[in-house]
């Protein structure tokens, strides 16, 4: 007997215990926010200031910036 999609989701949610959270703290960063961060980084604002303006954590912004730098440098050597 095959389970319906709803039944499968219910079973998965029960086994995962925290798969679905009512008010998640972590949310995806939108492309609009990334564009804002990129423009603020070009203005050479501090990561703390960018975090206050965008509402995104300093850790995420620093990781995002470092990944962009690594991507650019890896492309320049190829």
PDB file of N, CA and C in Angstrom:
ATOM      1  N   UNK A   1       0.846  -1.185   0.000  1.00  0.00           N
ATOM      2  CA  UNK A   1       0.000   0.000   0.000  1.00  0.00           C
ATOM      3  C   UNK A   1       0.887   1.243   0.000  1.00  0.00           C
ATOM      4  N   UNK A   2       0.714   2.112  -0.968  1.00  0.00           N
ATOM      5  CA  UNK A   2       1.521   3.330  -1.086  1.00  0.00           C
ATOM      6  C   UNK A   2       0.923   4.430  -0.210  1.00  0.00           C
ATOM      7  N   UNK A   3       1.800   5.188   0.412  1.00  0.00           N
ATOM      8  CA  UNK A   3       1.362   6.303   1.245  1.00  0.00           C
ATOM      9  C   UNK A   3       1.108   7.526   0.382  1.00  0.00           C
ATOM     10  N   UNK A   4       0.140   8.303   0.770  1.00  0.00           N
ATOM     11  CA  UNK A   4      -0.108   9.551   0.054  1.00  0.00           C
ATOM     12  C   UNK A   4       0.997  10.549   0.402  1.00  0.00           C
ATOM     13  N   UNK A   5       1.088  11.623  -0.374  1.00  0.00           N
ATOM     14  CA  UNK A   5       2.103  12.640  -0.135  1.00  0.00           C
ATOM     15  C   UNK A   5       1.938  13.262   1.243  1.00  0.00           C
ATOM     16  N   UNK A   6       0.700  13.517   1.633  1.00  0.00           N
ATOM     17  CA  UNK A   6       0.431  14.108   2.945  1.00  0.00           C
ATOM     18  C   UNK A   6       0.877  13.169   4.061  1.00  0.00           C
ATOM     19  N   UNK A   7       0.581  11.898   3.920  1.00  0.00           N
ATOM     20  CA  UNK A   7       0.980  10.931   4.935  1.00  0.00           C
ATOM     21  C   UNK A   7       2.494  10.838   5.018  1.00  0.00           C
ATOM     22  N   UNK A   8       3.167  10.894   3.888  1.00  0.00           N
ATOM     23  CA  UNK A   8       4.632  10.844   3.872  1.00  0.00           C
ATOM     24  C   UNK A   8       5.217  12.058   4.567  1.00  0.00           C
ATOM     25  N   UNK A   9       4.674  13.230   4.299  1.00  0.00           N
ATOM     26  CA  UNK A   9       5.156  14.454   4.958  1.00  0.00           C
ATOM     27  C   UNK A   9       4.948  14.369   6.461  1.00  0.00           C
ATOM     28  N   UNK A  10       3.812  13.857   6.888  1.00  0.00           N
ATOM     29  CA  UNK A  10       3.522  13.744   8.314  1.00  0.00           C
ATOM     30  C   UNK A  10       4.515  12.805   8.974  1.00  0.00           C
ATOM     31  N   UNK A  11       4.784  11.681   8.349  1.00  0.00           N
ATOM     32  CA  UNK A  11       5.732  10.727   8.910  1.00  0.00           C
ATOM     33  C   UNK A  11       7.125  11.345   8.963  1.00  0.00           C
ATOM     34  N   UNK A  12       7.541  12.033   7.891  1.00  0.00           N
ATOM     35  CA  UNK A  12       8.850  12.672   7.878  1.00  0.00           C
ATOM     36  C   UNK A  12       8.959  13.741   8.954  1.00  0.00           C
ATOM     37  N   UNK A  13       7.911  14.519   9.145  1.00  0.00           N
ATOM     38  CA  UNK A  13       7.929  15.558  10.168  1.00  0.00           C
ATOM     39  C   UNK A  13       8.014  14.945  11.562  1.00  0.00           C
ATOM     40  N   UNK A  14       7.339  13.833  11.768  1.00  0.00           N
ATOM     41  CA  UNK A  14       7.383  13.174  13.071  1.00  0.00           C
ATOM     42  C   UNK A  14       8.755  12.577  13.351  1.00  0.00           C
ATOM     43  N   UNK A  15       9.388  12.000  12.346  1.00  0.00           N
ATOM     44  CA  UNK A  15      10.697  11.391  12.574  1.00  0.00           C
ATOM     45  C   UNK A  15      11.793  12.446  12.682  1.00  0.00           C
ATOM     46  N   UNK A  16      11.658  13.571  11.975  1.00  0.00           N
ATOM     47  CA  UNK A  16      12.679  14.612  12.016  1.00  0.00           C
ATOM     48  C   UNK A  16      12.545  15.477  13.259  1.00  0.00           C
ATOM     49  N   UNK A  17      11.382  15.564  13.812  1.00  0.00           N
ATOM     50  CA  UNK A  17      11.056  16.327  15.016  1.00  0.00           C
ATOM     51  C   UNK A  17      11.171  17.843  14.854  1.00  0.00           C
ATOM     52  N   UNK A  18      12.078  18.356  14.049  1.00  0.00           N
ATOM     53  CA  UNK A  18      12.224  19.795  13.896  1.00  0.00           C
ATOM     54  C   UNK A  18      12.287  20.201  12.430  1.00  0.00           C
ATOM     55  N   UNK A  19      11.739  19.405  11.561  1.00  0.00           N
ATOM     56  CA  UNK A  19      11.820  19.720  10.151  1.00  0.00           C
ATOM     57  C   UNK A  19      11.024  20.978   9.813  1.00  0.00           C
ATOM     58  N   UNK A  20       9.880  21.164  10.454  1.00  0.00           N
ATOM     59  CA  UNK A  20       9.038  22.319  10.198  1.00  0.00           C
ATOM     60  C   UNK A  20       8.961  23.150  11.465  1.00  0.00           C
ATOM     61  N   UNK A  21       9.398  24.406  11.364  1.00  0.00           N
ATOM     62  CA  UNK A  21       9.424  25.291  12.515  1.00  0.00           C
ATOM     63  C   UNK A  21       8.438  26.421  12.262  1.00  0.00           C
ATOM     64  N   UNK A  22       7.654  26.768  13.274  1.00  0.00           N
ATOM     65  CA  UNK A  22       6.624  27.783  13.112  1.00  0.00           C
ATOM     66  C   UNK A  22       7.210  29.154  12.769  1.00  0.00           C
ATOM     67  N   UNK A  23       8.178  29.616  13.549  1.00  0.00           N
ATOM     68  CA  UNK A  23       8.820  30.909  13.310  1.00  0.00           C
ATOM     69  C   UNK A  23      10.326  30.699  13.183  1.00  0.00           C
ATOM     70  N   UNK A  24      10.821  30.332  12.005  1.00  0.00           N
ATOM     71  CA  UNK A  24      12.248  30.032  11.864  1.00  0.00           C
ATOM     72  C   UNK A  24      13.113  31.283  12.042  1.00  0.00           C
ATOM     73  N   UNK A  25      14.252  31.115  12.702  1.00  0.00           N
ATOM     74  CA  UNK A  25      15.199  32.226  12.846  1.00  0.00           C
ATOM     75  C   UNK A  25      16.028  32.373  11.584  1.00  0.00           C
ATOM     76  N   UNK A  26      16.379  31.258  10.986  1.00  0.00           N
ATOM     77  CA  UNK A  26      17.176  31.291   9.761  1.00  0.00           C
ATOM     78  C   UNK A  26      16.239  31.339   8.568  1.00  0.00           C
ATOM     79  N   UNK A  27      16.447  32.311   7.726  1.00  0.00           N
ATOM     80  CA  UNK A  27      15.635  32.418   6.523  1.00  0.00           C
ATOM     81  C   UNK A  27      16.576  32.661   5.346  1.00  0.00           C
ATOM     82  N   UNK A  28      16.162  32.287   4.158  1.00  0.00           N
ATOM     83  CA  UNK A  28      17.034  32.492   3.006  1.00  0.00           C
ATOM     84  C   UNK A  28      17.270  33.982   2.747  1.00  0.00           C
ATOM     85  N   UNK A  29      18.454  34.310   2.279  1.00  0.00           N
ATOM     86  CA  UNK A  29      18.786  35.691   1.945  1.00  0.00           C
ATOM     87  C   UNK A  29      18.361  35.928   0.497  1.00  0.00           C
ATOM     88  N   UNK A  30      17.561  36.936   0.294  1.00  0.00           N
ATOM     89  CA  UNK A  30      17.020  37.209  -1.039  1.00  0.00           C
ATOM     90  C   UNK A  30      18.085  37.818  -1.948  1.00  0.00           C
ATOM     91  N   UNK A  31      17.851  37.737  -3.238  1.00  0.00           N
ATOM     92  CA  UNK A  31      18.759  38.347  -4.210  1.00  0.00           C
ATOM     93  C   UNK A  31      18.813  39.863  -4.025  1.00  0.00           C
ATOM     94  N   UNK A  32      17.694  40.447  -3.648  1.00  0.00           N
ATOM     95  CA  UNK A  32      17.648  41.889  -3.399  1.00  0.00           C
ATOM     96  C   UNK A  32      18.585  42.262  -2.247  1.00  0.00           C
ATOM     97  N   UNK A  33      18.574  41.455  -1.187  1.00  0.00           N
ATOM     98  CA  UNK A  33      19.460  41.707  -0.052  1.00  0.00           C
ATOM     99  C   UNK A  33      20.922  41.534  -0.455  1.00  0.00           C
ATOM    100  N   UNK A  34      21.209  40.536  -1.290  1.00  0.00           N
ATOM    101  CA  UNK A  34      22.581  40.321  -1.754  1.00  0.00           C
ATOM    102  C   UNK A  34      23.072  41.512  -2.578  1.00  0.00           C
ATOM    103  N   UNK A  35      22.194  42.057  -3.416  1.00  0.00           N
ATOM    104  CA  UNK A  35      22.570  43.231  -4.214  1.00  0.00           C
ATOM    105  C   UNK A  35      22.856  44.428  -3.303  1.00  0.00           C
ATOM    106  N   UNK A  36      22.029  44.612  -2.265  1.00  0.00           N
ATOM    107  CA  UNK A  36      22.250  45.685  -1.307  1.00  0.00           C
ATOM    108  C   UNK A  36      23.592  45.497  -0.608  1.00  0.00           C
ATOM    109  N   UNK A  37      23.879  44.269  -0.167  1.00  0.00           N
ATOM    110  CA  UNK A  37      25.139  43.983   0.510  1.00  0.00           C
ATOM    111  C   UNK A  37      26.313  44.243  -0.420  1.00  0.00           C
ATOM    112  N   UNK A  38      26.192  43.813  -1.684  1.00  0.00           N
ATOM    113  CA  UNK A  38      27.262  44.052  -2.649  1.00  0.00           C
ATOM    114  C   UNK A  38      27.535  45.550  -2.812  1.00  0.00           C
ATOM    115  N   UNK A  39      26.489  46.339  -2.917  1.00  0.00           N
ATOM    116  CA  UNK A  39      26.693  47.783  -3.107  1.00  0.00           C
ATOM    117  C   UNK A  39      27.283  48.423  -1.854  1.00  0.00           C
ATOM    118  N   UNK A  40      26.873  47.960  -0.676  1.00  0.00           N
ATOM    119  CA  UNK A  40      27.432  48.508   0.562  1.00  0.00           C
ATOM    120  C   UNK A  40      28.880  48.086   0.758  1.00  0.00           C
ATOM    121  N   UNK A  41      29.227  46.879   0.316  1.00  0.00           N
ATOM    122  CA  UNK A  41      30.619  46.444   0.377  1.00  0.00           C
ATOM    123  C   UNK A  41      31.484  47.293  -0.551  1.00  0.00           C
ATOM    124  N   UNK A  42      30.955  47.644  -1.715  1.00  0.00           N
ATOM    125  CA  UNK A  42      31.693  48.510  -2.631  1.00  0.00           C
ATOM    126  C   UNK A  42      31.931  49.894  -2.038  1.00  0.00           C
ATOM    127  N   UNK A  43      31.018  50.336  -1.189  1.00  0.00           N
ATOM    128  CA  UNK A  43      31.174  51.628  -0.508  1.00  0.00           C
ATOM    129  C   UNK A  43      32.133  51.534   0.669  1.00  0.00           C
ATOM    130  N   UNK A  44      32.633  50.320   0.921  1.00  0.00           N
ATOM    131  CA  UNK A  44      33.611  50.047   1.972  1.00  0.00           C
ATOM    132  C   UNK A  44      33.072  50.339   3.375  1.00  0.00           C
ATOM    133  N   UNK A  45      31.789  50.071   3.579  1.00  0.00           N
ATOM    134  CA  UNK A  45      31.217  50.164   4.916  1.00  0.00           C
ATOM    135  C   UNK A  45      31.666  48.964   5.736  1.00  0.00           C
ATOM    136  N   UNK A  46      31.655  49.110   7.038  1.00  0.00           N
ATOM    137  CA  UNK A  46      32.044  47.992   7.895  1.00  0.00           C
ATOM    138  C   UNK A  46      30.976  46.899   7.841  1.00  0.00           C
ATOM    139  N   UNK A  47      31.392  45.687   8.146  1.00  0.00           N
ATOM    140  CA  UNK A  47      30.448  44.565   8.147  1.00  0.00           C
ATOM    141  C   UNK A  47      29.381  44.782   9.212  1.00  0.00           C
ATOM    142  N   UNK A  48      29.756  45.393  10.340  1.00  0.00           N
ATOM    143  CA  UNK A  48      28.773  45.679  11.394  1.00  0.00           C
ATOM    144  C   UNK A  48      27.705  46.650  10.891  1.00  0.00           C
ATOM    145  N   UNK A  49      28.113  47.669  10.146  1.00  0.00           N
ATOM    146  CA  UNK A  49      27.149  48.640   9.613  1.00  0.00           C
ATOM    147  C   UNK A  49      26.239  47.983   8.581  1.00  0.00           C
ATOM    148  N   UNK A  50      26.818  47.145   7.718  1.00  0.00           N
ATOM    149  CA  UNK A  50      26.011  46.453   6.713  1.00  0.00           C
ATOM    150  C   UNK A  50      25.014  45.531   7.389  1.00  0.00           C
ATOM    151  N   UNK A  51      25.430  44.886   8.465  1.00  0.00           N
ATOM    152  CA  UNK A  51      24.538  43.993   9.212  1.00  0.00           C
ATOM    153  C   UNK A  51      23.360  44.768   9.800  1.00  0.00           C
ATOM    154  N   UNK A  52      23.644  45.934  10.350  1.00  0.00           N
ATOM    155  CA  UNK A  52      22.565  46.748  10.930  1.00  0.00           C
ATOM    156  C   UNK A  52      21.590  47.215   9.858  1.00  0.00           C
ATOM    157  N   UNK A  53      22.104  47.612   8.702  1.00  0.00           N
ATOM    158  CA  UNK A  53      21.249  48.123   7.624  1.00  0.00           C
ATOM    159  C   UNK A  53      20.398  47.009   7.024  1.00  0.00           C
ATOM    160  N   UNK A  54      21.030  45.848   6.779  1.00  0.00           N
ATOM    161  CA  UNK A  54      20.337  44.773   6.060  1.00  0.00           C
ATOM    162  C   UNK A  54      19.564  43.823   6.970  1.00  0.00           C
ATOM    163  N   UNK A  55      19.918  43.783   8.255  1.00  0.00           N
ATOM    164  CA  UNK A  55      19.257  42.847   9.167  1.00  0.00           C
ATOM    165  C   UNK A  55      19.776  41.425   9.028  1.00  0.00           C
ATOM    166  N   UNK A  56      20.939  41.267   8.401  1.00  0.00           N
ATOM    167  CA  UNK A  56      21.549  39.953   8.194  1.00  0.00           C
ATOM    168  C   UNK A  56      22.782  39.867   9.087  1.00  0.00           C
ATOM    169  N   UNK A  57      23.055  38.682   9.609  1.00  0.00           N
ATOM    170  CA  UNK A  57      24.134  38.531  10.580  1.00  0.00           C
ATOM    171  C   UNK A  57      25.499  38.872   9.990  1.00  0.00           C
ATOM    172  N   UNK A  58      26.378  39.361  10.857  1.00  0.00           N
ATOM    173  CA  UNK A  58      27.743  39.693  10.449  1.00  0.00           C
ATOM    174  C   UNK A  58      28.471  38.454   9.941  1.00  0.00           C
ATOM    175  N   UNK A  59      28.236  37.316  10.579  1.00  0.00           N
ATOM    176  CA  UNK A  59      28.887  36.072  10.171  1.00  0.00           C
ATOM    177  C   UNK A  59      28.507  35.708   8.748  1.00  0.00           C
ATOM    178  N   UNK A  60      27.220  35.811   8.420  1.00  0.00           N
ATOM    179  CA  UNK A  60      26.778  35.469   7.067  1.00  0.00           C
ATOM    180  C   UNK A  60      27.414  36.417   6.054  1.00  0.00           C
ATOM    181  N   UNK A  61      27.434  37.714   6.363  1.00  0.00           N
ATOM    182  CA  UNK A  61      27.983  38.701   5.432  1.00  0.00           C
ATOM    183  C   UNK A  61      29.471  38.446   5.203  1.00  0.00           C
ATOM    184  N   UNK A  62      30.211  38.162   6.272  1.00  0.00           N
ATOM    185  CA  UNK A  62      31.643  37.920   6.120  1.00  0.00           C
ATOM    186  C   UNK A  62      31.895  36.654   5.293  1.00  0.00           C
ATOM    187  N   UNK A  63      31.126  35.599   5.547  1.00  0.00           N
ATOM    188  CA  UNK A  63      31.266  34.367   4.769  1.00  0.00           C
ATOM    189  C   UNK A  63      30.934  34.626   3.301  1.00  0.00           C
ATOM    190  N   UNK A  64      29.878  35.382   3.051  1.00  0.00           N
ATOM    191  CA  UNK A  64      29.473  35.730   1.681  1.00  0.00           C
ATOM    192  C   UNK A  64      30.592  36.490   0.971  1.00  0.00           C
ATOM    193  N   UNK A  65      31.169  37.471   1.663  1.00  0.00           N
ATOM    194  CA  UNK A  65      32.242  38.267   1.077  1.00  0.00           C
ATOM    195  C   UNK A  65      33.474  37.406   0.774  1.00  0.00           C
ATOM    196  N   UNK A  66      33.855  36.544   1.697  1.00  0.00           N
ATOM    197  CA  UNK A  66      35.011  35.685   1.497  1.00  0.00           C
ATOM    198  C   UNK A  66      34.801  34.712   0.340  1.00  0.00           C
ATOM    199  N   UNK A  67      33.601  34.164   0.207  1.00  0.00           N
ATOM    200  CA  UNK A  67      33.309  33.267  -0.910  1.00  0.00           C
ATOM    201  C   UNK A  67      33.392  33.994  -2.245  1.00  0.00           C
ATOM    202  N   UNK A  68      32.919  35.245  -2.280  1.00  0.00           N
ATOM    203  CA  UNK A  68      33.018  36.022  -3.515  1.00  0.00           C
ATOM    204  C   UNK A  68      34.473  36.267  -3.873  1.00  0.00           C
ATOM    205  N   UNK A  69      35.298  36.594  -2.885  1.00  0.00           N
ATOM    206  CA  UNK A  69      36.723  36.840  -3.126  1.00  0.00           C
ATOM    207  C   UNK A  69      37.395  35.560  -3.611  1.00  0.00           C
ATOM    208  N   UNK A  70      37.101  34.440  -2.968  1.00  0.00           N
ATOM    209  CA  UNK A  70      37.702  33.168  -3.369  1.00  0.00           C
ATOM    210  C   UNK A  70      37.281  32.793  -4.784  1.00  0.00           C
ATOM    211  N   UNK A  71      36.036  33.038  -5.123  1.00  0.00           N
ATOM    212  CA  UNK A  71      35.544  32.721  -6.468  1.00  0.00           C
ATOM    213  C   UNK A  71      36.275  33.563  -7.513  1.00  0.00           C
ATOM    214  N   UNK A  72      36.428  34.859  -7.209  1.00  0.00           N
ATOM    215  CA  UNK A  72      37.116  35.744  -8.154  1.00  0.00           C
ATOM    216  C   UNK A  72      38.573  35.346  -8.329  1.00  0.00           C
ATOM    217  N   UNK A  73      39.258  35.018  -7.236  1.00  0.00           N
ATOM    218  CA  UNK A  73      40.677  34.672  -7.345  1.00  0.00           C
ATOM    219  C   UNK A  73      40.860  33.325  -8.017  1.00  0.00           C
ATOM    220  N   UNK A  74      39.960  32.380  -7.789  1.00  0.00           N
ATOM    221  CA  UNK A  74      40.095  31.078  -8.434  1.00  0.00           C
ATOM    222  C   UNK A  74      39.850  31.191  -9.941  1.00  0.00           C
ATOM    223  N   UNK A  75      38.996  32.089 -10.348  1.00  0.00           N
ATOM    224  CA  UNK A  75      38.728  32.291 -11.781  1.00  0.00           C
ATOM    225  C   UNK A  75      39.886  32.999 -12.454  1.00  0.00           C
ATOM    226  N   UNK A  76      40.603  33.858 -11.742  1.00  0.00           N
ATOM    227  CA  UNK A  76      41.683  34.616 -12.364  1.00  0.00           C
ATOM    228  C   UNK A  76      42.901  33.745 -12.649  1.00  0.00           C
ATOM    229  N   UNK A  77      43.064  32.637 -11.913  1.00  0.00           N
ATOM    230  CA  UNK A  77      44.200  31.742 -12.130  1.00  0.00           C
ATOM    231  C   UNK A  77      43.938  30.725 -13.224  1.00  0.00           C
ATOM    232  N   UNK A  78      42.704  30.560 -13.640  1.00  0.00           N
ATOM    233  CA  UNK A  78      42.387  29.569 -14.681  1.00  0.00           C
ATOM    234  C   UNK A  78      42.481  30.132 -16.059  1.00  0.00           C
TER     235      UNK A  78
END
